């Protein structure tokens, strides 16, 4: 049986989810044909973030946005689901560029996934899947170049909770916490659904821990999809774009959710 071939995208050079996917798939003899990583050194990217999050949020995101994220302090939490994933599989923490150099995987830093360089890299590659691990909204040119075979792990149930902060909105709206593997199309989280995976709440979870658990569940789910793909691509659900599209959670709602978590309201979900 032919080994699957994939391209991975990432929003920055130290994206832990993408590194985990790349390493776990490599161990299962999946060929990583290329890593497409969006460079943080883009004023356009910074402007987009400011418009979406506000100027005051830039300082908090600057380490991740500019590729020098220091997660040492947060990783000291023994309940960090992403850290547990790394420890369970004995994955070495490193940059994607360093990993790519070690395993002779082409590494391409681009200013946008929708630019000519990134789209050209997709068009000329003969791969089974493009795995989206971040890098911004994908436009028609990228999606067409990938022939619609772009996998994404969405941290909420689809199509009921589309858009931003999906795991938080799912809880606030009364849905069970779920990670959905789906195809990316030109809508907002409206592509065909491949599989759904529970992301249960643990005792004393914080919002950050829930987010990371969804990411960790998504890593496993994406790897499973590549290794055991569907016989045919799922079709877009009729009316998927009519369901709620969520945006960045307001601070007051985030405070409310954190209070409910502390009180154990979501235990057993």
Protein backbone atom coordinates (compact mmCIF):
# COMPACT_ATOMS: atom_id res chain seq x y z
CA UNK A 1 0.00 0.00 0.00
CA UNK A 2 1.33 3.41 -1.00
CA UNK A 3 2.40 5.67 1.86
CA UNK A 4 0.25 8.80 2.19
CA UNK A 5 1.83 12.11 1.18
CA UNK A 6 0.90 15.35 2.92
CA UNK A 7 1.74 19.04 3.16
CA UNK A 8 1.33 20.83 6.50
CA UNK A 9 0.66 24.51 7.08
CA UNK A 10 1.46 26.45 10.25
CA UNK A 11 0.85 29.94 11.55
CA UNK A 12 4.30 30.25 13.09
CA UNK A 13 7.57 28.34 13.36
CA UNK A 14 6.98 26.89 16.82
CA UNK A 15 3.43 25.68 16.34
CA UNK A 16 3.26 22.73 18.73
CA UNK A 17 0.24 21.13 17.09
CA UNK A 18 1.91 21.06 13.67
CA UNK A 19 5.18 19.69 15.04
CA UNK A 20 3.27 16.90 16.81
CA UNK A 21 1.33 16.01 13.64
CA UNK A 22 4.49 16.02 11.54
CA UNK A 23 6.42 13.82 13.95
CA UNK A 24 3.60 11.35 14.60
CA UNK A 25 2.92 10.94 10.89
CA UNK A 26 6.62 10.57 10.11
CA UNK A 27 6.80 7.68 12.56
CA UNK A 28 3.97 6.00 10.66
CA UNK A 29 5.83 6.34 7.35
CA UNK A 30 3.69 9.18 6.03
CA UNK A 31 5.70 11.37 3.67
CA UNK A 32 5.76 15.02 4.69
CA UNK A 33 6.35 16.67 1.34
CA UNK A 34 6.59 20.23 2.61
CA UNK A 35 6.01 22.53 5.56
CA UNK A 36 4.37 25.85 4.66
CA UNK A 37 4.87 28.29 7.53
CA UNK A 38 3.52 31.82 7.52
CA UNK A 39 6.17 34.34 8.52
CA UNK A 40 5.11 36.55 11.46
CA UNK A 41 7.12 39.46 10.06
CA UNK A 42 4.22 40.96 8.17
CA UNK A 43 2.53 44.26 8.92
CA UNK A 44 -0.54 43.03 7.09
CA UNK A 45 -0.82 40.10 9.50
CA UNK A 46 -0.37 42.42 12.47
CA UNK A 47 -3.01 44.85 11.17
CA UNK A 48 -5.48 41.99 10.73
CA UNK A 49 -4.92 40.88 14.31
CA UNK A 50 -5.33 44.42 15.68
CA UNK A 51 -8.62 44.87 13.80
CA UNK A 52 -9.90 41.57 15.16
CA UNK A 53 -8.59 41.62 18.74
CA UNK A 54 -7.81 45.26 19.53
CA UNK A 55 -4.49 47.00 20.10
CA UNK A 56 -4.24 45.95 23.76
CA UNK A 57 -4.09 42.26 22.82
CA UNK A 58 -0.98 42.62 20.67
CA UNK A 59 1.45 42.34 23.59
CA UNK A 60 -0.09 39.05 24.73
CA UNK A 61 0.16 37.49 21.29
CA UNK A 62 3.46 39.05 20.20
CA UNK A 63 5.67 36.11 21.30
CA UNK A 64 3.58 33.61 19.30
CA UNK A 65 3.08 35.97 16.36
CA UNK A 66 6.79 36.67 16.00
CA UNK A 67 7.93 33.11 16.51
CA UNK A 68 9.68 33.39 19.88
CA UNK A 69 6.95 32.05 22.11
CA UNK A 70 8.16 31.15 25.60
CA UNK A 71 5.80 28.50 26.95
CA UNK A 72 8.12 27.30 29.71
CA UNK A 73 6.03 28.66 32.55
CA UNK A 74 2.74 27.40 31.18
CA UNK A 75 4.23 24.03 30.38
CA UNK A 76 5.00 23.56 34.06
CA UNK A 77 1.31 22.81 34.56
CA UNK A 78 1.08 19.04 34.82
CA UNK A 79 -2.47 19.20 33.47
CA UNK A 80 -1.46 20.86 30.19
CA UNK A 81 -2.98 18.49 27.57
CA UNK A 82 -0.50 19.48 24.88
CA UNK A 83 2.42 18.91 27.19
CA UNK A 84 0.99 15.51 28.10
CA UNK A 85 0.73 14.67 24.39
CA UNK A 86 4.41 15.48 23.90
CA UNK A 87 5.46 13.46 26.93
CA UNK A 88 3.29 10.46 26.05
CA UNK A 89 4.85 10.20 22.60
CA UNK A 90 8.32 11.38 23.61
CA UNK A 91 8.30 14.26 21.13
CA UNK A 92 11.20 16.69 21.33
CA UNK A 93 10.26 20.36 21.54
CA UNK A 94 11.85 22.27 18.66
CA UNK A 95 11.01 24.65 15.85
CA UNK A 96 9.44 23.38 12.65
CA UNK A 97 12.44 24.61 10.66
CA UNK A 98 14.78 22.59 12.88
CA UNK A 99 12.60 19.48 12.56
CA UNK A 100 12.44 19.91 8.78
CA UNK A 101 16.21 20.19 8.54
CA UNK A 102 16.68 17.03 10.61
CA UNK A 103 14.39 14.96 8.37
CA UNK A 104 15.20 16.67 5.06
CA UNK A 105 11.69 18.05 4.61
CA UNK A 106 11.37 21.17 2.42
CA UNK A 107 10.52 24.17 4.61
CA UNK A 108 8.95 27.22 3.02
CA UNK A 109 8.38 30.47 4.93
CA UNK A 110 5.76 32.64 3.21
CA UNK A 111 4.05 35.93 3.98
CA UNK A 112 0.66 34.45 3.09
CA UNK A 113 -0.73 31.04 2.27
CA UNK A 114 -2.71 32.71 -0.48
CA UNK A 115 0.34 34.17 -2.22
CA UNK A 116 1.82 32.85 -5.45
CA UNK A 117 4.68 31.05 -3.72
CA UNK A 118 2.47 29.00 -1.39
CA UNK A 119 -0.20 28.32 -4.01
CA UNK A 120 2.49 27.27 -6.49
CA UNK A 121 3.95 24.87 -3.94
CA UNK A 122 0.54 23.22 -3.55
CA UNK A 123 -0.11 23.06 -7.30
CA UNK A 124 3.18 21.33 -8.07
CA UNK A 125 2.98 18.82 -5.22
CA UNK A 126 1.42 15.42 -5.70
CA UNK A 127 -0.05 14.89 -2.24
CA UNK A 128 -3.05 13.14 -0.76
CA UNK A 129 -3.85 15.82 1.80
CA UNK A 130 -3.01 19.33 2.87
CA UNK A 131 -3.31 19.51 6.65
CA UNK A 132 -4.22 22.97 7.86
CA UNK A 133 -2.40 23.73 11.11
CA UNK A 134 -2.89 27.50 10.98
CA UNK A 135 -1.80 30.42 8.84
CA UNK A 136 -4.89 32.54 8.27
CA UNK A 137 -8.03 32.35 6.16
CA UNK A 138 -7.57 30.37 2.98
CA UNK A 139 -8.74 31.92 -0.27
CA UNK A 140 -10.09 30.32 -3.44
CA UNK A 141 -6.67 30.06 -5.12
CA UNK A 142 -5.22 27.91 -2.32
CA UNK A 143 -8.33 25.74 -1.97
CA UNK A 144 -8.50 25.13 -5.71
CA UNK A 145 -4.78 24.27 -5.85
CA UNK A 146 -5.37 21.61 -3.19
CA UNK A 147 -8.38 20.22 -5.11
CA UNK A 148 -10.45 20.63 -1.95
CA UNK A 149 -8.40 18.03 -0.02
CA UNK A 150 -7.59 20.28 2.94
CA UNK A 151 -8.09 18.79 6.40
CA UNK A 152 -8.84 20.90 9.45
CA UNK A 153 -9.59 20.08 13.09
CA UNK A 154 -12.23 22.51 14.37
CA UNK A 155 -12.52 22.84 18.15
CA UNK A 156 -16.30 22.67 18.21
CA UNK A 157 -19.32 20.80 16.82
CA UNK A 158 -20.11 21.56 13.18
CA UNK A 159 -22.09 23.04 11.66
CA UNK A 160 -23.69 24.27 14.91
CA UNK A 161 -20.69 26.31 16.11
CA UNK A 162 -18.65 27.81 13.30
CA UNK A 163 -15.91 30.42 13.54
CA UNK A 164 -13.72 31.68 16.39
CA UNK A 165 -13.33 30.42 19.99
CA UNK A 166 -15.44 27.40 19.08
CA UNK A 167 -14.76 25.30 22.19
CA UNK A 168 -15.77 28.19 24.47
CA UNK A 169 -18.87 29.05 22.49
CA UNK A 170 -19.88 25.38 22.37
CA UNK A 171 -19.97 25.26 26.17
CA UNK A 172 -21.80 28.56 26.53
CA UNK A 173 -24.39 27.47 23.96
CA UNK A 174 -25.01 24.12 25.63
CA UNK A 175 -23.23 21.80 23.19
CA UNK A 176 -20.97 18.94 24.19
CA UNK A 177 -17.29 19.82 23.69
CA UNK A 178 -16.34 18.24 20.39
CA UNK A 179 -13.53 18.42 17.84
CA UNK A 180 -14.68 18.07 14.24
CA UNK A 181 -12.39 17.00 11.41
CA UNK A 182 -13.68 18.52 8.19
CA UNK A 183 -12.66 19.69 4.76
CA UNK A 184 -11.95 23.36 4.21
CA UNK A 185 -13.98 24.98 1.46
CA UNK A 186 -14.68 28.61 0.63
CA UNK A 187 -17.17 29.02 3.47
CA UNK A 188 -16.46 29.52 7.16
CA UNK A 189 -16.24 25.97 8.58
CA UNK A 190 -18.84 24.71 6.12
CA UNK A 191 -16.84 21.94 4.40
CA UNK A 192 -17.80 18.29 4.48
CA UNK A 193 -17.52 16.61 7.89
CA UNK A 194 -15.28 13.55 8.16
CA UNK A 195 -15.45 12.69 11.86
CA UNK A 196 -16.30 13.99 15.35
CA UNK A 197 -14.26 13.46 18.51
CA UNK A 198 -15.27 14.19 22.13
CA UNK A 199 -13.09 16.54 24.19
CA UNK A 200 -14.44 15.99 27.74
CA UNK A 201 -14.09 18.57 30.51
CA UNK A 202 -11.83 17.64 33.42
CA UNK A 203 -12.04 18.72 37.04
CA UNK A 204 -10.79 22.29 37.55
CA UNK A 205 -10.16 22.87 33.86
CA UNK A 206 -9.32 26.40 32.81
CA UNK A 207 -10.34 27.84 29.44
CA UNK A 208 -6.73 27.54 28.29
CA UNK A 209 -6.63 23.85 29.24
CA UNK A 210 -9.83 23.18 27.32
CA UNK A 211 -8.40 24.91 24.27
CA UNK A 212 -5.24 22.84 24.47
CA UNK A 213 -7.19 19.62 24.99
CA UNK A 214 -9.14 20.35 21.82
CA UNK A 215 -5.88 20.95 19.98
CA UNK A 216 -4.43 17.68 21.34
CA UNK A 217 -7.59 15.78 20.33
CA UNK A 218 -7.36 17.43 16.91
CA UNK A 219 -3.75 16.30 16.45
CA UNK A 220 -4.73 12.68 17.05
CA UNK A 221 -7.85 12.95 14.90
CA UNK A 222 -6.00 14.44 11.93
CA UNK A 223 -3.36 11.73 12.09
CA UNK A 224 -6.06 9.05 12.22
CA UNK A 225 -7.75 10.57 9.17
CA UNK A 226 -4.56 10.51 7.11
CA UNK A 227 -3.79 6.92 8.14
CA UNK A 228 -7.37 5.71 7.65
CA UNK A 229 -8.94 8.09 5.13
CA UNK A 230 -12.60 8.09 4.08
CA UNK A 231 -13.41 6.15 0.92
CA UNK A 232 -14.73 9.31 -0.67
CA UNK A 233 -14.74 12.98 0.23
CA UNK A 234 -17.80 14.01 2.26
CA UNK A 235 -20.14 16.54 0.74
CA UNK A 236 -20.94 19.88 2.34
CA UNK A 237 -24.04 19.66 4.51
CA UNK A 238 -26.96 21.50 3.00
CA UNK A 239 -27.55 24.75 4.85
CA UNK A 240 -24.30 24.56 6.83
CA UNK A 241 -23.67 28.25 6.19
CA UNK A 242 -27.01 29.11 7.81
CA UNK A 243 -25.83 27.97 11.22
CA UNK A 244 -24.38 30.32 13.80
CA UNK A 245 -20.98 31.86 13.08
CA UNK A 246 -19.14 32.82 16.27
CA UNK A 247 -16.57 35.54 16.76
CA UNK A 248 -13.94 36.33 19.41
CA UNK A 249 -15.35 35.83 22.90
CA UNK A 250 -15.91 39.10 24.75
CA UNK A 251 -13.99 39.45 28.06
CA UNK A 252 -17.23 39.41 30.07
CA UNK A 253 -18.31 36.13 28.49
CA UNK A 254 -14.88 34.63 29.01
CA UNK A 255 -15.09 35.61 32.68
CA UNK A 256 -18.54 34.03 32.92
CA UNK A 257 -17.32 30.80 31.34
CA UNK A 258 -14.31 30.63 33.65
CA UNK A 259 -16.61 31.11 36.65
CA UNK A 260 -18.88 28.30 35.49
CA UNK A 261 -15.90 26.02 34.99
CA UNK A 262 -14.62 26.77 38.49
CA UNK A 263 -18.05 25.90 39.87
CA UNK A 264 -18.04 22.56 38.06
CA UNK A 265 -21.09 23.30 35.91
CA UNK A 266 -19.68 21.45 32.90
CA UNK A 267 -18.46 18.32 34.68
CA UNK A 268 -19.49 15.19 32.81
CA UNK A 269 -19.97 16.93 29.49
